Amino acid sequence: MARTTTRERTVDALLRTHGETYAHEAGIRLRDTPQPLYQTLVLAALLSARIRAGVAVAAARALFGAGMRTPERMEAADWQQRVDALGEGHYRRYDESTATTLGKSARFVRERHQGDLRRMRAEADGDPRRMRALLREVPGIGPAGADIFLREVQDLWPEFAPYIDGKAVQGAERLGLPKTSRTLGRLVPEGHRAELAAGLVRAALDKGVAEEVREAVPA
């Protein structure tokens, strides 16, 4: 059945033009297994810095391309290898401090959660606040990083969905969409909420994205 309301057409246009998740853009094949979940955590840490999202995604790709795809391999890499990979992704403003933090966070995930973030999920027991608190225990993951991680994994971990944080709400407001998580979540089928959240964040970060979406909405 064709969508008929303006907000539904707007969401369709958003998903069609800017609905790629950041994990997918970074080359992460997101599944509920330890390696891609850890990679998404690394990506969330990189994206949470005051740096362009495209640079953060490129830096994540470079780290993973250099073999640092698991906590064990991230920790085993030396500091200079991490700096070099970040530099390859043009993540130069914070490359040295981030290289140090990535080593610390890898060790923490390995020791505290045996390298498996599903243990963290189990410990949270479906409580989003507890999950955010557990994520923030990881070195380099602050409030923004926790939000980014949960936005990206919400279709895998549906007990936290719909997860529409403040940045995504800003994008919704710019597009004239509802500003509550539950209302926004009902505008897309299950399994596409991470795509919606990513598109809303892009609209918040770039006025041009919002304009492009509005132009793509059928009359």
C-alpha atoms as a PDB file:
ATOM      1  CA  MET A   1       0.000   0.000   0.000  1.00  0.00           C
ATOM      2  CA  ALA A   2       1.379   3.400  -0.972  1.00  0.00           C
ATOM      3  CA  ARG A   3       2.237   5.820   1.806  1.00  0.00           C
ATOM      4  CA  THR A   4       0.001   8.848   1.874  1.00  0.00           C
ATOM      5  CA  THR A   5       0.989  11.208   4.685  1.00  0.00           C
ATOM      6  CA  THR A   6       3.643  13.884   4.305  1.00  0.00           C
ATOM      7  CA  ARG A   7       5.681  12.545   7.190  1.00  0.00           C
ATOM      8  CA  GLU A   8       5.685   9.025   5.724  1.00  0.00           C
ATOM      9  CA  ARG A   9       6.760  10.348   2.327  1.00  0.00           C
ATOM     10  CA  THR A  10       9.485  12.370   4.037  1.00  0.00           C
ATOM     11  CA  VAL A  11      10.790   9.306   5.846  1.00  0.00           C
ATOM     12  CA  ASP A  12      10.752   7.305   2.612  1.00  0.00           C
ATOM     13  CA  ALA A  13      12.773  10.036   0.902  1.00  0.00           C
ATOM     14  CA  LEU A  14      15.205  10.207   3.821  1.00  0.00           C
ATOM     15  CA  LEU A  15      15.833   6.465   3.786  1.00  0.00           C
ATOM     16  CA  ARG A  16      16.186   6.456   0.020  1.00  0.00           C
ATOM     17  CA  THR A  17      18.720   9.292  -0.112  1.00  0.00           C
ATOM     18  CA  HIS A  18      20.596   9.188   3.214  1.00  0.00           C
ATOM     19  CA  GLY A  19      19.505   6.056   5.058  1.00  0.00           C
ATOM     20  CA  GLU A  20      22.843   4.235   5.065  1.00  0.00           C
ATOM     21  CA  THR A  21      24.002   3.422   8.589  1.00  0.00           C
ATOM     22  CA  TYR A  22      27.430   4.657   9.597  1.00  0.00           C
ATOM     23  CA  ALA A  23      28.469   1.076  10.320  1.00  0.00           C
ATOM     24  CA  HIS A  24      27.637   0.057   6.764  1.00  0.00           C
ATOM     25  CA  GLU A  25      29.477   3.093   5.421  1.00  0.00           C
ATOM     26  CA  ALA A  26      32.529   2.027   7.441  1.00  0.00           C
ATOM     27  CA  GLY A  27      32.424  -1.439   5.877  1.00  0.00           C
ATOM     28  CA  ILE A  28      31.110  -3.200   8.990  1.00  0.00           C
ATOM     29  CA  ARG A  29      28.845  -6.157   8.276  1.00  0.00           C
ATOM     30  CA  LEU A  30      26.868  -5.693  11.442  1.00  0.00           C
ATOM     31  CA  ARG A  31      25.766  -8.941  13.055  1.00  0.00           C
ATOM     32  CA  ASP A  32      25.208 -10.000  16.649  1.00  0.00           C
ATOM     33  CA  THR A  33      28.712 -11.422  16.956  1.00  0.00           C
ATOM     34  CA  PRO A  34      31.754 -10.079  18.831  1.00  0.00           C
ATOM     35  CA  GLN A  35      33.864  -8.720  15.976  1.00  0.00           C
ATOM     36  CA  PRO A  36      31.365  -6.417  14.212  1.00  0.00           C
ATOM     37  CA  LEU A  37      29.970  -5.244  17.555  1.00  0.00           C
ATOM     38  CA  TYR A  38      33.465  -4.260  18.673  1.00  0.00           C
ATOM     39  CA  GLN A  39      34.094  -2.530  15.348  1.00  0.00           C
ATOM     40  CA  THR A  40      30.890  -0.541  15.843  1.00  0.00           C
ATOM     41  CA  LEU A  41      32.116   0.510  19.287  1.00  0.00           C
ATOM     42  CA  VAL A  42      35.374   1.749  17.755  1.00  0.00           C
ATOM     43  CA  LEU A  43      33.411   3.629  15.109  1.00  0.00           C
ATOM     44  CA  ALA A  44      31.208   5.195  17.798  1.00  0.00           C
ATOM     45  CA  ALA A  45      34.272   6.419  19.655  1.00  0.00           C
ATOM     46  CA  LEU A  46      35.701   7.973  16.495  1.00  0.00           C
ATOM     47  CA  LEU A  47      32.401   9.582  15.484  1.00  0.00           C
ATOM     48  CA  SER A  48      31.902  11.120  18.919  1.00  0.00           C
ATOM     49  CA  ALA A  49      34.925  13.420  18.557  1.00  0.00           C
ATOM     50  CA  ARG A  50      34.611  16.948  17.190  1.00  0.00           C
ATOM     51  CA  ILE A  51      35.534  15.882  13.692  1.00  0.00           C
ATOM     52  CA  ARG A  52      33.656  15.358  10.439  1.00  0.00           C
ATOM     53  CA  ALA A  53      31.735  12.117  10.244  1.00  0.00           C
ATOM     54  CA  GLY A  54      33.311  11.235   6.909  1.00  0.00           C
ATOM     55  CA  VAL A  55      36.780  11.465   8.450  1.00  0.00           C
ATOM     56  CA  ALA A  56      35.753   9.261  11.367  1.00  0.00           C
ATOM     57  CA  VAL A  57      34.346   6.653   8.976  1.00  0.00           C
ATOM     58  CA  ALA A  58      37.530   6.739   6.869  1.00  0.00           C
ATOM     59  CA  ALA A  59      39.659   6.314  10.003  1.00  0.00           C
ATOM     60  CA  ALA A  60      37.600   3.311  11.088  1.00  0.00           C
ATOM     61  CA  ARG A  61      38.025   1.746   7.663  1.00  0.00           C
ATOM     62  CA  ALA A  62      41.794   2.298   7.884  1.00  0.00           C
ATOM     63  CA  LEU A  63      42.043   0.738  11.346  1.00  0.00           C
ATOM     64  CA  PHE A  64      40.062  -2.315  10.272  1.00  0.00           C
ATOM     65  CA  GLY A  65      41.988  -2.537   7.013  1.00  0.00           C
ATOM     66  CA  ALA A  66      45.197  -2.658   9.041  1.00  0.00           C
ATOM     67  CA  GLY A  67      43.851  -5.693  10.879  1.00  0.00           C
ATOM     68  CA  MET A  68      42.635  -4.014  14.074  1.00  0.00           C
ATOM     69  CA  ARG A  69      39.203  -5.619  13.965  1.00  0.00           C
ATOM     70  CA  THR A  70      39.053  -7.183  17.432  1.00  0.00           C
ATOM     71  CA  PRO A  71      40.027  -6.014  20.917  1.00  0.00           C
ATOM     72  CA  GLU A  72      42.907  -8.488  20.897  1.00  0.00           C
ATOM     73  CA  ARG A  73      44.308  -7.183  17.614  1.00  0.00           C
ATOM     74  CA  MET A  74      43.735  -3.541  18.567  1.00  0.00           C
ATOM     75  CA  GLU A  75      45.620  -4.020  21.816  1.00  0.00           C
ATOM     76  CA  ALA A  76      48.381  -6.044  20.158  1.00  0.00           C
ATOM     77  CA  ALA A  77      49.030  -3.294  17.603  1.00  0.00           C
ATOM     78  CA  ASP A  78      51.566  -0.805  18.864  1.00  0.00           C
ATOM     79  CA  TRP A  79      50.766   2.859  19.397  1.00  0.00           C
ATOM     80  CA  GLN A  80      52.477   3.970  16.183  1.00  0.00           C
ATOM     81  CA  GLN A  81      50.517   1.473  14.101  1.00  0.00           C
ATOM     82  CA  ARG A  82      47.299   2.918  15.465  1.00  0.00           C
ATOM     83  CA  VAL A  83      48.506   6.483  14.826  1.00  0.00           C
ATOM     84  CA  ASP A  84      49.473   5.581  11.265  1.00  0.00           C
ATOM     85  CA  ALA A  85      46.090   4.008  10.536  1.00  0.00           C
ATOM     86  CA  LEU A  86      44.258   7.024  11.937  1.00  0.00           C
ATOM     87  CA  GLY A  87      46.455   9.286   9.837  1.00  0.00           C
ATOM     88  CA  GLU A  88      45.628   7.257   6.735  1.00  0.00           C
ATOM     89  CA  GLY A  89      42.003   8.126   7.428  1.00  0.00           C
ATOM     90  CA  HIS A  90      42.986  11.800   7.908  1.00  0.00           C
ATOM     91  CA  TYR A  91      41.983  11.591  11.569  1.00  0.00           C
ATOM     92  CA  ARG A  92      44.961  13.765  12.463  1.00  0.00           C
ATOM     93  CA  ARG A  93      43.610  16.273  14.956  1.00  0.00           C
ATOM     94  CA  TYR A  94      43.226  13.640  17.677  1.00  0.00           C
ATOM     95  CA  ASP A  95      45.358  10.840  16.290  1.00  0.00           C
ATOM     96  CA  GLU A  96      47.873  10.503  19.121  1.00  0.00           C
ATOM     97  CA  SER A  97      45.420  10.704  22.019  1.00  0.00           C
ATOM     98  CA  THR A  98      42.935   8.491  20.175  1.00  0.00           C
ATOM     99  CA  ALA A  99      45.601   5.868  19.487  1.00  0.00           C
ATOM    100  CA  THR A 100      46.301   5.702  23.213  1.00  0.00           C
ATOM    101  CA  THR A 101      42.606   5.528  24.109  1.00  0.00           C
ATOM    102  CA  LEU A 102      41.908   2.781  21.567  1.00  0.00           C
ATOM    103  CA  GLY A 103      44.552   0.632  23.225  1.00  0.00           C
ATOM    104  CA  LYS A 104      43.051   1.238  26.666  1.00  0.00           C
ATOM    105  CA  SER A 105      39.504   0.574  25.492  1.00  0.00           C
ATOM    106  CA  ALA A 106      40.530  -2.656  23.745  1.00  0.00           C
ATOM    107  CA  ARG A 107      42.124  -3.895  26.957  1.00  0.00           C
ATOM    108  CA  PHE A 108      39.032  -2.908  28.937  1.00  0.00           C
ATOM    109  CA  VAL A 109      36.634  -4.735  26.595  1.00  0.00           C
ATOM    110  CA  ARG A 110      38.841  -7.801  26.617  1.00  0.00           C
ATOM    111  CA  GLU A 111      39.259  -7.919  30.390  1.00  0.00           C
ATOM    112  CA  ARG A 112      35.833  -6.677  31.535  1.00  0.00           C
ATOM    113  CA  HIS A 113      33.684  -8.381  28.877  1.00  0.00           C
ATOM    114  CA  GLN A 114      35.997 -11.104  27.529  1.00  0.00           C
ATOM    115  CA  GLY A 115      36.023  -9.263  24.211  1.00  0.00           C
ATOM    116  CA  ASP A 116      32.301  -9.815  23.704  1.00  0.00           C
ATOM    117  CA  LEU A 117      29.913  -6.868  23.998  1.00  0.00           C
ATOM    118  CA  ARG A 118      26.991  -9.265  24.135  1.00  0.00           C
ATOM    119  CA  ARG A 119      28.029  -9.785  27.762  1.00  0.00           C
ATOM    120  CA  MET A 120      27.460  -6.087  28.309  1.00  0.00           C
ATOM    121  CA  ARG A 121      24.028  -6.415  26.720  1.00  0.00           C
ATOM    122  CA  ALA A 122      23.165  -9.291  29.022  1.00  0.00           C
ATOM    123  CA  GLU A 123      24.320  -7.317  32.050  1.00  0.00           C
ATOM    124  CA  ALA A 124      22.113  -4.375  31.047  1.00  0.00           C
ATOM    125  CA  ASP A 125      19.121  -6.741  30.954  1.00  0.00           C
ATOM    126  CA  GLY A 126      17.077  -4.559  28.614  1.00  0.00           C
ATOM    127  CA  ASP A 127      17.565  -1.324  30.567  1.00  0.00           C
ATOM    128  CA  PRO A 128      18.729   1.468  28.204  1.00  0.00           C
ATOM    129  CA  ARG A 129      20.055   3.604  31.062  1.00  0.00           C
ATOM    130  CA  ARG A 130      22.089   0.720  32.396  1.00  0.00           C
ATOM    131  CA  MET A 131      23.368  -0.025  28.913  1.00  0.00           C
ATOM    132  CA  ARG A 132      24.468   3.584  28.431  1.00  0.00           C
ATOM    133  CA  ALA A 133      26.214   3.495  31.807  1.00  0.00           C
ATOM    134  CA  LEU A 134      28.053   0.291  30.895  1.00  0.00           C
ATOM    135  CA  LEU A 135      29.124   1.724  27.559  1.00  0.00           C
ATOM    136  CA  ARG A 136      30.455   4.835  29.286  1.00  0.00           C
ATOM    137  CA  GLU A 137      32.754   2.666  31.388  1.00  0.00           C
ATOM    138  CA  VAL A 138      34.733   2.003  28.204  1.00  0.00           C
ATOM    139  CA  PRO A 139      37.645   4.451  27.782  1.00  0.00           C
ATOM    140  CA  GLY A 140      36.841   6.898  24.993  1.00  0.00           C
ATOM    141  CA  ILE A 141      33.076   6.351  25.129  1.00  0.00           C
ATOM    142  CA  GLY A 142      31.186   9.310  26.541  1.00  0.00           C
ATOM    143  CA  PRO A 143      27.498  10.196  26.273  1.00  0.00           C
ATOM    144  CA  ALA A 144      27.714  10.867  22.530  1.00  0.00           C
ATOM    145  CA  GLY A 145      29.610   7.648  21.853  1.00  0.00           C
ATOM    146  CA  ALA A 146      27.087   5.605  23.827  1.00  0.00           C
ATOM    147  CA  ASP A 147      24.246   7.171  21.844  1.00  0.00           C
ATOM    148  CA  ILE A 148      25.963   6.476  18.537  1.00  0.00           C
ATOM    149  CA  PHE A 149      26.592   2.839  19.407  1.00  0.00           C
ATOM    150  CA  LEU A 150      22.994   2.245  20.481  1.00  0.00           C
ATOM    151  CA  ARG A 151      21.628   4.038  17.411  1.00  0.00           C
ATOM    152  CA  GLU A 152      23.632   1.733  15.184  1.00  0.00           C
ATOM    153  CA  VAL A 153      22.866  -1.584  16.929  1.00  0.00           C
ATOM    154  CA  GLN A 154      19.196  -1.002  17.762  1.00  0.00           C
ATOM    155  CA  ASP A 155      17.906  -3.316  15.039  1.00  0.00           C
ATOM    156  CA  LEU A 156      20.119  -6.118  16.393  1.00  0.00           C
ATOM    157  CA  TRP A 157      19.229  -5.347  19.994  1.00  0.00           C
ATOM    158  CA  PRO A 158      15.539  -4.371  19.692  1.00  0.00           C
ATOM    159  CA  GLU A 159      15.023  -4.025  23.436  1.00  0.00           C
ATOM    160  CA  PHE A 160      16.726  -0.619  23.049  1.00  0.00           C
ATOM    161  CA  ALA A 161      14.694   0.426  19.988  1.00  0.00           C
ATOM    162  CA  PRO A 162      13.575   2.830  18.850  1.00  0.00           C
ATOM    163  CA  TYR A 163      16.757   4.661  19.847  1.00  0.00           C
ATOM    164  CA  ILE A 164      16.500   8.232  18.623  1.00  0.00           C
ATOM    165  CA  ASP A 165      18.920  10.445  20.523  1.00  0.00           C
ATOM    166  CA  GLY A 166      19.137  14.234  20.713  1.00  0.00           C
ATOM    167  CA  LYS A 167      21.134  14.651  17.510  1.00  0.00           C
ATOM    168  CA  ALA A 168      18.637  12.556  15.539  1.00  0.00           C
ATOM    169  CA  VAL A 169      15.781  14.560  17.045  1.00  0.00           C
ATOM    170  CA  GLN A 170      17.430  17.723  15.718  1.00  0.00           C
ATOM    171  CA  GLY A 171      17.315  16.202  12.249  1.00  0.00           C
ATOM    172  CA  ALA A 172      13.676  15.242  12.690  1.00  0.00           C
ATOM    173  CA  GLU A 173      12.841  18.801  13.671  1.00  0.00           C
ATOM    174  CA  ARG A 174      14.649  20.137  10.617  1.00  0.00           C
ATOM    175  CA  LEU A 175      12.580  17.824   8.399  1.00  0.00           C
ATOM    176  CA  GLY A 176       9.280  18.636  10.081  1.00  0.00           C
ATOM    177  CA  LEU A 177       8.978  15.145  11.548  1.00  0.00           C
ATOM    178  CA  PRO A 178       7.784  14.152  15.033  1.00  0.00           C
ATOM    179  CA  LYS A 179      10.331  14.580  17.802  1.00  0.00           C
ATOM    180  CA  THR A 180       9.588  11.577  20.005  1.00  0.00           C
ATOM    181  CA  SER A 181      11.345   8.252  19.637  1.00  0.00           C
ATOM    182  CA  ARG A 182       8.224   6.117  19.684  1.00  0.00           C
ATOM    183  CA  THR A 183       6.412   8.191  17.068  1.00  0.00           C
ATOM    184  CA  LEU A 184       9.437   8.243  14.783  1.00  0.00           C
ATOM    185  CA  GLY A 185       9.996   4.530  15.280  1.00  0.00           C
ATOM    186  CA  ARG A 186       6.489   3.768  14.072  1.00  0.00           C
ATOM    187  CA  LEU A 187       7.218   5.471  10.743  1.00  0.00           C
ATOM    188  CA  VAL A 188       9.530   2.667   9.596  1.00  0.00           C
ATOM    189  CA  PRO A 189       9.253  -1.124   9.619  1.00  0.00           C
ATOM    190  CA  GLU A 190      11.213  -3.029  12.252  1.00  0.00           C
ATOM    191  CA  GLY A 191      14.739  -3.599  11.056  1.00  0.00           C
ATOM    192  CA  HIS A 192      15.104  -0.121   9.569  1.00  0.00           C
ATOM    193  CA  ARG A 193      15.264   2.058  12.665  1.00  0.00           C
ATOM    194  CA  ALA A 194      19.056   2.356  12.596  1.00  0.00           C
ATOM    195  CA  GLU A 195      18.815   3.578   9.011  1.00  0.00           C
ATOM    196  CA  LEU A 196      16.222   6.151  10.047  1.00  0.00           C
ATOM    197  CA  ALA A 197      18.369   7.358  12.941  1.00  0.00           C
ATOM    198  CA  ALA A 198      21.446   7.664  10.711  1.00  0.00           C
ATOM    199  CA  GLY A 199      19.505   9.655   8.137  1.00  0.00           C
ATOM    200  CA  LEU A 200      18.138  11.983  10.799  1.00  0.00           C
ATOM    201  CA  VAL A 201      21.634  12.587  12.152  1.00  0.00           C
ATOM    202  CA  ARG A 202      22.881  13.448   8.668  1.00  0.00           C
ATOM    203  CA  ALA A 203      20.004  15.916   8.321  1.00  0.00           C
ATOM    204  CA  ALA A 204      20.983  17.468  11.657  1.00  0.00           C
ATOM    205  CA  LEU A 205      24.628  17.795  10.652  1.00  0.00           C
ATOM    206  CA  ASP A 206      24.048  19.153   7.152  1.00  0.00           C
ATOM    207  CA  LYS A 207      21.303  21.535   6.065  1.00  0.00           C
ATOM    208  CA  GLY A 208      21.919  20.424   2.501  1.00  0.00           C
ATOM    209  CA  VAL A 209      20.790  16.905   3.386  1.00  0.00           C
ATOM    210  CA  ALA A 210      17.502  18.224   4.736  1.00  0.00           C
ATOM    211  CA  GLU A 211      16.976  20.299   1.593  1.00  0.00           C
ATOM    212  CA  GLU A 212      17.739  17.302  -0.626  1.00  0.00           C
ATOM    213  CA  VAL A 213      15.251  15.159   1.285  1.00  0.00           C
ATOM    214  CA  ARG A 214      12.515  17.784   1.032  1.00  0.00           C
ATOM    215  CA  GLU A 215      13.101  18.041  -2.728  1.00  0.00           C
ATOM    216  CA  ALA A 216      12.848  14.255  -3.035  1.00  0.00           C
ATOM    217  CA  VAL A 217       9.455  14.045  -1.306  1.00  0.00           C
ATOM    218  CA  PRO A 218       6.753  13.312  -3.905  1.00  0.00           C
ATOM    219  CA  ALA A 219       4.003  15.898  -4.131  1.00  0.00           C
END
